[in-house]
Amino acid sequence: MRLQALKTLASLPFDDEIKKTYLHVLVSDKVPGNRIEAINSLVKAIEAGFKADDEILSVFKNQLEQEENPYIKIRAKTILDSKEL
Protein backbone atom coordinates (compact mmCIF):
# COMPACT_ATOMS: atom_id res chain seq x y z
CA MET A 1 0.00 0.00 0.00
CA ARG A 2 2.74 2.50 0.92
CA LEU A 3 4.75 1.64 -2.17
CA GLN A 4 1.74 2.41 -4.35
CA ALA A 5 1.29 5.74 -2.53
CA LEU A 6 4.94 6.59 -3.20
CA LYS A 7 4.51 5.76 -6.87
CA THR A 8 1.42 7.97 -6.99
CA LEU A 9 3.42 10.84 -5.50
CA ALA A 10 5.96 10.40 -8.29
CA SER A 11 3.27 11.30 -10.82
CA LEU A 12 2.65 14.68 -9.15
CA PRO A 13 4.72 17.85 -9.60
CA PHE A 14 7.65 17.62 -7.18
CA ASP A 15 7.56 20.15 -4.34
CA ASP A 16 8.78 20.60 -0.76
CA GLU A 17 5.95 18.55 0.76
CA ILE A 18 6.67 15.60 -1.51
CA LYS A 19 10.39 16.01 -0.78
CA LYS A 20 9.71 15.84 2.97
CA THR A 21 7.58 12.74 2.50
CA TYR A 22 10.31 10.97 0.54
CA LEU A 23 12.95 11.98 3.09
CA HIS A 24 10.77 10.67 5.92
CA VAL A 25 10.35 7.33 4.12
CA LEU A 26 14.06 7.15 3.40
CA VAL A 27 14.93 7.65 7.06
CA SER A 28 12.08 5.82 8.78
CA ASP A 29 10.62 3.07 6.65
CA LYS A 30 11.73 -0.49 7.43
CA VAL A 31 10.82 -1.81 3.97
CA PRO A 32 13.79 -1.56 1.57
CA GLY A 33 11.52 -1.32 -1.49
CA ASN A 34 9.86 1.79 -0.09
CA ARG A 35 13.23 3.39 0.68
CA ILE A 36 14.43 2.54 -2.82
CA GLU A 37 11.33 4.15 -4.35
CA ALA A 38 11.89 7.24 -2.19
CA ILE A 39 15.56 7.69 -3.10
CA ASN A 40 14.91 6.99 -6.77
CA SER A 41 12.21 9.68 -6.80
CA LEU A 42 14.46 12.16 -5.00
CA VAL A 43 17.34 11.50 -7.39
CA LYS A 44 15.02 11.83 -10.38
CA ALA A 45 13.77 15.20 -9.09
CA ILE A 46 17.34 16.41 -8.50
CA GLU A 47 18.38 15.31 -11.98
CA ALA A 48 15.35 17.19 -13.36
CA GLY A 49 16.52 20.39 -11.70
CA PHE A 50 15.14 20.35 -8.14
CA LYS A 51 17.83 21.78 -5.86
CA ALA A 52 19.53 19.25 -3.60
CA ASP A 53 19.30 21.47 -0.54
CA ASP A 54 21.03 21.02 2.81
CA GLU A 55 18.17 18.89 4.13
CA ILE A 56 18.44 16.40 1.27
CA LEU A 57 22.23 16.33 1.39
CA SER A 58 22.18 15.79 5.17
CA VAL A 59 19.80 12.84 4.87
CA PHE A 60 21.85 11.36 2.03
CA LYS A 61 25.05 11.66 4.10
CA ASN A 62 23.30 9.97 7.00
CA GLN A 63 22.04 7.17 4.73
CA LEU A 64 25.53 6.66 3.40
CA GLU A 65 26.66 5.90 6.96
CA GLN A 66 23.64 4.03 8.33
CA GLU A 67 21.83 2.39 5.42
CA GLU A 68 22.23 -1.37 5.05
CA ASN A 69 20.94 -1.56 1.48
CA PRO A 70 23.87 -1.15 -0.94
CA TYR A 71 21.68 0.22 -3.75
CA ILE A 72 20.46 3.10 -1.58
CA LYS A 73 24.04 3.82 -0.47
CA ILE A 74 25.19 3.98 -4.09
CA ARG A 75 22.34 6.32 -5.10
CA ALA A 76 23.06 8.63 -2.15
CA LYS A 77 26.80 8.62 -2.88
CA THR A 78 26.21 9.47 -6.53
CA ILE A 79 24.32 12.64 -5.61
CA LEU A 80 26.75 13.60 -2.85
CA ASP A 81 29.73 13.15 -5.18
CA SER A 82 28.09 15.28 -7.88
CA LYS A 83 27.44 18.09 -5.39
CA GLU A 84 31.08 18.18 -4.25
CA LEU A 85 32.32 19.12 -7.73
PDB file of N, CA and C in Angstrom:
ATOM      1  N   MET A   1       0.821  -1.187   0.000  1.00  0.00           N
ATOM      2  CA  MET A   1       0.000   0.000   0.000  1.00  0.00           C
ATOM      3  C   MET A   1       0.879   1.270   0.000  1.00  0.00           C
ATOM      4  N   ARG A   2       1.890   1.308   0.869  1.00  0.00           N
ATOM      5  CA  ARG A   2       2.742   2.504   0.922  1.00  0.00           C
ATOM      6  C   ARG A   2       3.538   2.673  -0.357  1.00  0.00           C
ATOM      7  N   LEU A   3       3.983   1.554  -0.922  1.00  0.00           N
ATOM      8  CA  LEU A   3       4.746   1.639  -2.166  1.00  0.00           C
ATOM      9  C   LEU A   3       3.888   2.251  -3.268  1.00  0.00           C
ATOM     10  N   GLN A   4       2.633   1.849  -3.346  1.00  0.00           N
ATOM     11  CA  GLN A   4       1.739   2.413  -4.353  1.00  0.00           C
ATOM     12  C   GLN A   4       1.533   3.909  -4.112  1.00  0.00           C
ATOM     13  N   ALA A   5       1.430   4.312  -2.853  1.00  0.00           N
ATOM     14  CA  ALA A   5       1.287   5.738  -2.528  1.00  0.00           C
ATOM     15  C   ALA A   5       2.531   6.511  -2.969  1.00  0.00           C
ATOM     16  N   LEU A   6       3.702   5.941  -2.761  1.00  0.00           N
ATOM     17  CA  LEU A   6       4.942   6.594  -3.197  1.00  0.00           C
ATOM     18  C   LEU A   6       4.983   6.726  -4.711  1.00  0.00           C
ATOM     19  N   LYS A   7       4.535   5.700  -5.409  1.00  0.00           N
ATOM     20  CA  LYS A   7       4.513   5.758  -6.873  1.00  0.00           C
ATOM     21  C   LYS A   7       3.507   6.795  -7.360  1.00  0.00           C
ATOM     22  N   THR A   8       2.404   6.947  -6.643  1.00  0.00           N
ATOM     23  CA  THR A   8       1.417   7.967  -6.995  1.00  0.00           C
ATOM     24  C   THR A   8       2.014   9.360  -6.808  1.00  0.00           C
ATOM     25  N   LEU A   9       2.761   9.553  -5.718  1.00  0.00           N
ATOM     26  CA  LEU A   9       3.420  10.842  -5.497  1.00  0.00           C
ATOM     27  C   LEU A   9       4.360  11.181  -6.647  1.00  0.00           C
ATOM     28  N   ALA A  10       5.001  10.178  -7.199  1.00  0.00           N
ATOM     29  CA  ALA A  10       5.961  10.401  -8.289  1.00  0.00           C
ATOM     30  C   ALA A  10       5.286  10.970  -9.530  1.00  0.00           C
ATOM     31  N   SER A  11       3.986  10.780  -9.642  1.00  0.00           N
ATOM     32  CA  SER A  11       3.274  11.300 -10.817  1.00  0.00           C
ATOM     33  C   SER A  11       2.849  12.762 -10.638  1.00  0.00           C
ATOM     34  N   LEU A  12       3.028  13.291  -9.434  1.00  0.00           N
ATOM     35  CA  LEU A  12       2.649  14.677  -9.147  1.00  0.00           C
ATOM     36  C   LEU A  12       3.850  15.604  -9.326  1.00  0.00           C
ATOM     37  N   PRO A  13       3.595  16.893  -9.526  1.00  0.00           N
ATOM     38  CA  PRO A  13       4.717  17.848  -9.597  1.00  0.00           C
ATOM     39  C   PRO A  13       5.497  17.850  -8.274  1.00  0.00           C
ATOM     40  N   PHE A  14       6.799  17.707  -8.363  1.00  0.00           N
ATOM     41  CA  PHE A  14       7.653  17.623  -7.180  1.00  0.00           C
ATOM     42  C   PHE A  14       7.690  18.970  -6.466  1.00  0.00           C
ATOM     43  N   ASP A  15       7.488  18.936  -5.151  1.00  0.00           N
ATOM     44  CA  ASP A  15       7.555  20.152  -4.343  1.00  0.00           C
ATOM     45  C   ASP A  15       8.130  19.813  -2.964  1.00  0.00           C
ATOM     46  N   ASP A  16       8.182  20.805  -2.076  1.00  0.00           N
ATOM     47  CA  ASP A  16       8.781  20.601  -0.758  1.00  0.00           C
ATOM     48  C   ASP A  16       8.029  19.572   0.085  1.00  0.00           C
ATOM     49  N   GLU A  17       6.720  19.517  -0.025  1.00  0.00           N
ATOM     50  CA  GLU A  17       5.951  18.547   0.755  1.00  0.00           C
ATOM     51  C   GLU A  17       6.250  17.115   0.298  1.00  0.00           C
ATOM     52  N   ILE A  18       6.337  16.923  -0.990  1.00  0.00           N
ATOM     53  CA  ILE A  18       6.675  15.600  -1.514  1.00  0.00           C
ATOM     54  C   ILE A  18       8.104  15.255  -1.130  1.00  0.00           C
ATOM     55  N   LYS A  19       9.003  16.228  -1.202  1.00  0.00           N
ATOM     56  CA  LYS A  19      10.392  16.013  -0.783  1.00  0.00           C
ATOM     57  C   LYS A  19      10.439  15.531   0.658  1.00  0.00           C
ATOM     58  N   LYS A  20       9.707  16.212   1.546  1.00  0.00           N
ATOM     59  CA  LYS A  20       9.710  15.838   2.968  1.00  0.00           C
ATOM     60  C   LYS A  20       9.151  14.438   3.176  1.00  0.00           C
ATOM     61  N   THR A  21       8.145  14.079   2.405  1.00  0.00           N
ATOM     62  CA  THR A  21       7.579  12.737   2.500  1.00  0.00           C
ATOM     63  C   THR A  21       8.615  11.693   2.108  1.00  0.00           C
ATOM     64  N   TYR A  22       9.282  11.914   0.987  1.00  0.00           N
ATOM     65  CA  TYR A  22      10.306  10.968   0.544  1.00  0.00           C
ATOM     66  C   TYR A  22      11.457  10.880   1.552  1.00  0.00           C
ATOM     67  N   LEU A  23      11.872  12.002   2.102  1.00  0.00           N
ATOM     68  CA  LEU A  23      12.950  11.979   3.089  1.00  0.00           C
ATOM     69  C   LEU A  23      12.527  11.209   4.330  1.00  0.00           C
ATOM     70  N   HIS A  24      11.283  11.395   4.757  1.00  0.00           N
ATOM     71  CA  HIS A  24      10.772  10.665   5.916  1.00  0.00           C
ATOM     72  C   HIS A  24      10.795   9.156   5.653  1.00  0.00           C
ATOM     73  N   VAL A  25      10.342   8.755   4.484  1.00  0.00           N
ATOM     74  CA  VAL A  25      10.347   7.333   4.124  1.00  0.00           C
ATOM     75  C   VAL A  25      11.778   6.814   4.096  1.00  0.00           C
ATOM     76  N   LEU A  26      12.670   7.569   3.517  1.00  0.00           N
ATOM     77  CA  LEU A  26      14.061   7.154   3.400  1.00  0.00           C
ATOM     78  C   LEU A  26      14.697   6.920   4.770  1.00  0.00           C
ATOM     79  N   VAL A  27      14.345   7.740   5.732  1.00  0.00           N
ATOM     80  CA  VAL A  27      14.930   7.654   7.064  1.00  0.00           C
ATOM     81  C   VAL A  27      14.197   6.645   7.953  1.00  0.00           C
ATOM     82  N   SER A  28      12.887   6.536   7.799  1.00  0.00           N
ATOM     83  CA  SER A  28      12.077   5.820   8.782  1.00  0.00           C
ATOM     84  C   SER A  28      11.530   4.466   8.358  1.00  0.00           C
ATOM     85  N   ASP A  29      11.317   4.275   7.088  1.00  0.00           N
ATOM     86  CA  ASP A  29      10.615   3.065   6.646  1.00  0.00           C
ATOM     87  C   ASP A  29      11.520   1.845   6.760  1.00  0.00           C
ATOM     88  N   LYS A  30      10.967   0.758   7.259  1.00  0.00           N
ATOM     89  CA  LYS A  30      11.731  -0.491   7.432  1.00  0.00           C
ATOM     90  C   LYS A  30      11.777  -1.331   6.158  1.00  0.00           C
ATOM     91  N   VAL A  31      10.907  -1.025   5.194  1.00  0.00           N
ATOM     92  CA  VAL A  31      10.820  -1.814   3.965  1.00  0.00           C
ATOM     93  C   VAL A  31      11.795  -1.255   2.927  1.00  0.00           C
ATOM     94  N   PRO A  32      12.803  -2.050   2.534  1.00  0.00           N
ATOM     95  CA  PRO A  32      13.791  -1.559   1.572  1.00  0.00           C
ATOM     96  C   PRO A  32      13.177  -1.072   0.260  1.00  0.00           C
ATOM     97  N   GLY A  33      12.153  -1.729  -0.232  1.00  0.00           N
ATOM     98  CA  GLY A  33      11.525  -1.317  -1.487  1.00  0.00           C
ATOM     99  C   GLY A  33      10.941   0.082  -1.416  1.00  0.00           C
ATOM    100  N   ASN A  34      10.401   0.436  -0.274  1.00  0.00           N
ATOM    101  CA  ASN A  34       9.863   1.789  -0.095  1.00  0.00           C
ATOM    102  C   ASN A  34      10.989   2.814  -0.052  1.00  0.00           C
ATOM    103  N   ARG A  35      12.079   2.469   0.631  1.00  0.00           N
ATOM    104  CA  ARG A  35      13.228   3.387   0.683  1.00  0.00           C
ATOM    105  C   ARG A  35      13.846   3.550  -0.700  1.00  0.00           C
ATOM    106  N   ILE A  36      13.899   2.467  -1.459  1.00  0.00           N
ATOM    107  CA  ILE A  36      14.430   2.540  -2.825  1.00  0.00           C
ATOM    108  C   ILE A  36      13.556   3.446  -3.683  1.00  0.00           C
ATOM    109  N   GLU A  37      12.252   3.286  -3.591  1.00  0.00           N
ATOM    110  CA  GLU A  37      11.330   4.148  -4.354  1.00  0.00           C
ATOM    111  C   GLU A  37      11.530   5.613  -3.963  1.00  0.00           C
ATOM    112  N   ALA A  38      11.704   5.861  -2.670  1.00  0.00           N
ATOM    113  CA  ALA A  38      11.894   7.237  -2.190  1.00  0.00           C
ATOM    114  C   ALA A  38      13.188   7.839  -2.729  1.00  0.00           C
ATOM    115  N   ILE A  39      14.296   7.111  -2.634  1.00  0.00           N
ATOM    116  CA  ILE A  39      15.562   7.690  -3.097  1.00  0.00           C
ATOM    117  C   ILE A  39      15.572   7.822  -4.608  1.00  0.00           C
ATOM    118  N   ASN A  40      14.974   6.864  -5.321  1.00  0.00           N
ATOM    119  CA  ASN A  40      14.906   6.995  -6.775  1.00  0.00           C
ATOM    120  C   ASN A  40      14.117   8.237  -7.179  1.00  0.00           C
ATOM    121  N   SER A  41      13.025   8.496  -6.486  1.00  0.00           N
ATOM    122  CA  SER A  41      12.213   9.677  -6.800  1.00  0.00           C
ATOM    123  C   SER A  41      12.951  10.964  -6.465  1.00  0.00           C
ATOM    124  N   LEU A  42      13.662  10.972  -5.349  1.00  0.00           N
ATOM    125  CA  LEU A  42      14.455  12.156  -4.997  1.00  0.00           C
ATOM    126  C   LEU A  42      15.559  12.403  -6.028  1.00  0.00           C
ATOM    127  N   VAL A  43      16.263  11.362  -6.406  1.00  0.00           N
ATOM    128  CA  VAL A  43      17.345  11.501  -7.391  1.00  0.00           C
ATOM    129  C   VAL A  43      16.774  11.975  -8.726  1.00  0.00           C
ATOM    130  N   LYS A  44      15.658  11.414  -9.126  1.00  0.00           N
ATOM    131  CA  LYS A  44      15.020  11.830 -10.379  1.00  0.00           C
ATOM    132  C   LYS A  44      14.669  13.317 -10.337  1.00  0.00           C
ATOM    133  N   ALA A  45      14.121  13.779  -9.218  1.00  0.00           N
ATOM    134  CA  ALA A  45      13.770  15.199  -9.086  1.00  0.00           C
ATOM    135  C   ALA A  45      15.016  16.080  -9.145  1.00  0.00           C
ATOM    136  N   ILE A  46      16.081  15.652  -8.494  1.00  0.00           N
ATOM    137  CA  ILE A  46      17.336  16.412  -8.505  1.00  0.00           C
ATOM    138  C   ILE A  46      17.899  16.467  -9.922  1.00  0.00           C
ATOM    139  N   GLU A  47      17.873  15.344 -10.605  1.00  0.00           N
ATOM    140  CA  GLU A  47      18.379  15.309 -11.981  1.00  0.00           C
ATOM    141  C   GLU A  47      17.524  16.155 -12.916  1.00  0.00           C
ATOM    142  N   ALA A  48      16.255  16.354 -12.554  1.00  0.00           N
ATOM    143  CA  ALA A  48      15.355  17.187 -13.362  1.00  0.00           C
ATOM    144  C   ALA A  48      15.456  18.666 -13.002  1.00  0.00           C
ATOM    145  N   GLY A  49      16.299  18.995 -12.012  1.00  0.00           N
ATOM    146  CA  GLY A  49      16.523  20.393 -11.699  1.00  0.00           C
ATOM    147  C   GLY A  49      16.110  20.848 -10.316  1.00  0.00           C
ATOM    148  N   PHE A  50      15.484  19.969  -9.510  1.00  0.00           N
ATOM    149  CA  PHE A  50      15.141  20.350  -8.140  1.00  0.00           C
ATOM    150  C   PHE A  50      16.431  20.458  -7.345  1.00  0.00           C
ATOM    151  N   LYS A  51      16.582  21.538  -6.584  1.00  0.00           N
ATOM    152  CA  LYS A  51      17.826  21.780  -5.858  1.00  0.00           C
ATOM    153  C   LYS A  51      18.014  20.768  -4.729  1.00  0.00           C
ATOM    154  N   ALA A  52      19.165  20.134  -4.708  1.00  0.00           N
ATOM    155  CA  ALA A  52      19.530  19.245  -3.601  1.00  0.00           C
ATOM    156  C   ALA A  52      19.977  20.135  -2.451  1.00  0.00           C
ATOM    157  N   ASP A  53      19.016  20.541  -1.626  1.00  0.00           N
ATOM    158  CA  ASP A  53      19.301  21.475  -0.536  1.00  0.00           C
ATOM    159  C   ASP A  53      20.010  20.775   0.627  1.00  0.00           C
ATOM    160  N   ASP A  54      20.306  21.552   1.663  1.00  0.00           N
ATOM    161  CA  ASP A  54      21.033  21.017   2.809  1.00  0.00           C
ATOM    162  C   ASP A  54      20.284  19.871   3.483  1.00  0.00           C
ATOM    163  N   GLU A  55      18.962  19.951   3.502  1.00  0.00           N
ATOM    164  CA  GLU A  55      18.166  18.892   4.126  1.00  0.00           C
ATOM    165  C   GLU A  55      18.348  17.571   3.378  1.00  0.00           C
ATOM    166  N   ILE A  56      18.255  17.611   2.078  1.00  0.00           N
ATOM    167  CA  ILE A  56      18.440  16.401   1.269  1.00  0.00           C
ATOM    168  C   ILE A  56      19.858  15.878   1.427  1.00  0.00           C
ATOM    169  N   LEU A  57      20.836  16.758   1.305  1.00  0.00           N
ATOM    170  CA  LEU A  57      22.231  16.327   1.394  1.00  0.00           C
ATOM    171  C   LEU A  57      22.542  15.737   2.766  1.00  0.00           C
ATOM    172  N   SER A  58      21.971  16.303   3.814  1.00  0.00           N
ATOM    173  CA  SER A  58      22.179  15.793   5.169  1.00  0.00           C
ATOM    174  C   SER A  58      21.608  14.379   5.312  1.00  0.00           C
ATOM    175  N   VAL A  59      20.412  14.164   4.803  1.00  0.00           N
ATOM    176  CA  VAL A  59      19.798  12.835   4.871  1.00  0.00           C
ATOM    177  C   VAL A  59      20.606  11.845   4.043  1.00  0.00           C
ATOM    178  N   PHE A  60      21.049  12.258   2.865  1.00  0.00           N
ATOM    179  CA  PHE A  60      21.851  11.364   2.026  1.00  0.00           C
ATOM    180  C   PHE A  60      23.159  10.995   2.720  1.00  0.00           C
ATOM    181  N   LYS A  61      23.815  11.955   3.368  1.00  0.00           N
ATOM    182  CA  LYS A  61      25.053  11.663   4.102  1.00  0.00           C
ATOM    183  C   LYS A  61      24.780  10.671   5.225  1.00  0.00           C
ATOM    184  N   ASN A  62      23.677  10.873   5.919  1.00  0.00           N
ATOM    185  CA  ASN A  62      23.296   9.974   6.998  1.00  0.00           C
ATOM    186  C   ASN A  62      23.026   8.566   6.454  1.00  0.00           C
ATOM    187  N   GLN A  63      22.341   8.471   5.335  1.00  0.00           N
ATOM    188  CA  GLN A  63      22.040   7.174   4.733  1.00  0.00           C
ATOM    189  C   GLN A  63      23.315   6.475   4.288  1.00  0.00           C
ATOM    190  N   LEU A  64      24.263   7.243   3.834  1.00  0.00           N
ATOM    191  CA  LEU A  64      25.531   6.659   3.402  1.00  0.00           C
ATOM    192  C   LEU A  64      26.206   5.936   4.568  1.00  0.00           C
ATOM    193  N   GLU A  65      26.040   6.477   5.768  1.00  0.00           N
ATOM    194  CA  GLU A  65      26.663   5.897   6.958  1.00  0.00           C
ATOM    195  C   GLU A  65      25.824   4.790   7.584  1.00  0.00           C
ATOM    196  N   GLN A  66      24.490   4.934   7.557  1.00  0.00           N
ATOM    197  CA  GLN A  66      23.645   4.030   8.333  1.00  0.00           C
ATOM    198  C   GLN A  66      22.859   3.011   7.515  1.00  0.00           C
ATOM    199  N   GLU A  67      22.660   3.259   6.255  1.00  0.00           N
ATOM    200  CA  GLU A  67      21.834   2.389   5.423  1.00  0.00           C
ATOM    201  C   GLU A  67      22.506   1.036   5.207  1.00  0.00           C
ATOM    202  N   GLU A  68      21.715  -0.027   5.289  1.00  0.00           N
ATOM    203  CA  GLU A  68      22.230  -1.371   5.046  1.00  0.00           C
ATOM    204  C   GLU A  68      22.120  -1.768   3.579  1.00  0.00           C
ATOM    205  N   ASN A  69      21.179  -1.195   2.869  1.00  0.00           N
ATOM    206  CA  ASN A  69      20.939  -1.563   1.478  1.00  0.00           C
ATOM    207  C   ASN A  69      21.995  -0.912   0.583  1.00  0.00           C
ATOM    208  N   PRO A  70      22.790  -1.715  -0.123  1.00  0.00           N
ATOM    209  CA  PRO A  70      23.872  -1.145  -0.942  1.00  0.00           C
ATOM    210  C   PRO A  70      23.370  -0.270  -2.093  1.00  0.00           C
ATOM    211  N   TYR A  71      22.216  -0.589  -2.656  1.00  0.00           N
ATOM    212  CA  TYR A  71      21.680   0.221  -3.754  1.00  0.00           C
ATOM    213  C   TYR A  71      21.398   1.644  -3.284  1.00  0.00           C
ATOM    214  N   ILE A  72      20.781   1.774  -2.119  1.00  0.00           N
ATOM    215  CA  ILE A  72      20.463   3.099  -1.579  1.00  0.00           C
ATOM    216  C   ILE A  72      21.752   3.859  -1.280  1.00  0.00           C
ATOM    217  N   LYS A  73      22.749   3.171  -0.755  1.00  0.00           N
ATOM    218  CA  LYS A  73      24.036   3.821  -0.473  1.00  0.00           C
ATOM    219  C   LYS A  73      24.672   4.358  -1.754  1.00  0.00           C
ATOM    220  N   ILE A  74      24.603   3.560  -2.816  1.00  0.00           N
ATOM    221  CA  ILE A  74      25.191   3.983  -4.093  1.00  0.00           C
ATOM    222  C   ILE A  74      24.459   5.202  -4.642  1.00  0.00           C
ATOM    223  N   ARG A  75      23.129   5.186  -4.588  1.00  0.00           N
ATOM    224  CA  ARG A  75      22.341   6.319  -5.098  1.00  0.00           C
ATOM    225  C   ARG A  75      22.658   7.590  -4.303  1.00  0.00           C
ATOM    226  N   ALA A  76      22.741   7.470  -2.988  1.00  0.00           N
ATOM    227  CA  ALA A  76      23.061   8.630  -2.147  1.00  0.00           C
ATOM    228  C   ALA A  76      24.464   9.137  -2.466  1.00  0.00           C
ATOM    229  N   LYS A  77      25.414   8.227  -2.591  1.00  0.00           N
ATOM    230  CA  LYS A  77      26.801   8.618  -2.879  1.00  0.00           C
ATOM    231  C   LYS A  77      26.919   9.317  -4.214  1.00  0.00           C
ATOM    232  N   THR A  78      26.176   8.866  -5.207  1.00  0.00           N
ATOM    233  CA  THR A  78      26.209   9.473  -6.533  1.00  0.00           C
ATOM    234  C   THR A  78      25.820  10.951  -6.457  1.00  0.00           C
ATOM    235  N   ILE A  79      24.772  11.251  -5.741  1.00  0.00           N
ATOM    236  CA  ILE A  79      24.319  12.641  -5.613  1.00  0.00           C
ATOM    237  C   ILE A  79      25.328  13.437  -4.790  1.00  0.00           C
ATOM    238  N   LEU A  80      25.779  12.878  -3.682  1.00  0.00           N
ATOM    239  CA  LEU A  80      26.748  13.600  -2.853  1.00  0.00           C
ATOM    240  C   LEU A  80      28.033  13.889  -3.621  1.00  0.00           C
ATOM    241  N   ASP A  81      28.514  12.929  -4.383  1.00  0.00           N
ATOM    242  CA  ASP A  81      29.728  13.149  -5.176  1.00  0.00           C
ATOM    243  C   ASP A  81      29.512  14.235  -6.238  1.00  0.00           C
ATOM    244  N   SER A  82      28.351  14.259  -6.840  1.00  0.00           N
ATOM    245  CA  SER A  82      28.090  15.277  -7.882  1.00  0.00           C
ATOM    246  C   SER A  82      27.983  16.669  -7.293  1.00  0.00           C
ATOM    247  N   LYS A  83      27.582  16.779  -6.033  1.00  0.00           N
ATOM    248  CA  LYS A  83      27.439  18.091  -5.392  1.00  0.00           C
ATOM    249  C   LYS A  83      28.768  18.609  -4.848  1.00  0.00           C
ATOM    250  N   GLU A  84      29.752  17.763  -4.745  1.00  0.00           N
ATOM    251  CA  GLU A  84      31.079  18.178  -4.248  1.00  0.00           C
ATOM    252  C   GLU A  84      31.934  18.770  -5.349  1.00  0.00           C
ATOM    253  N   LEU A  85      31.513  18.618  -6.596  1.00  0.00           N
ATOM    254  CA  LEU A  85      32.315  19.120  -7.729  1.00  0.00           C
ATOM    255  C   LEU A  85      32.319  20.618  -7.798  1.00  0.00           C
TER     256      LEU A  85
END
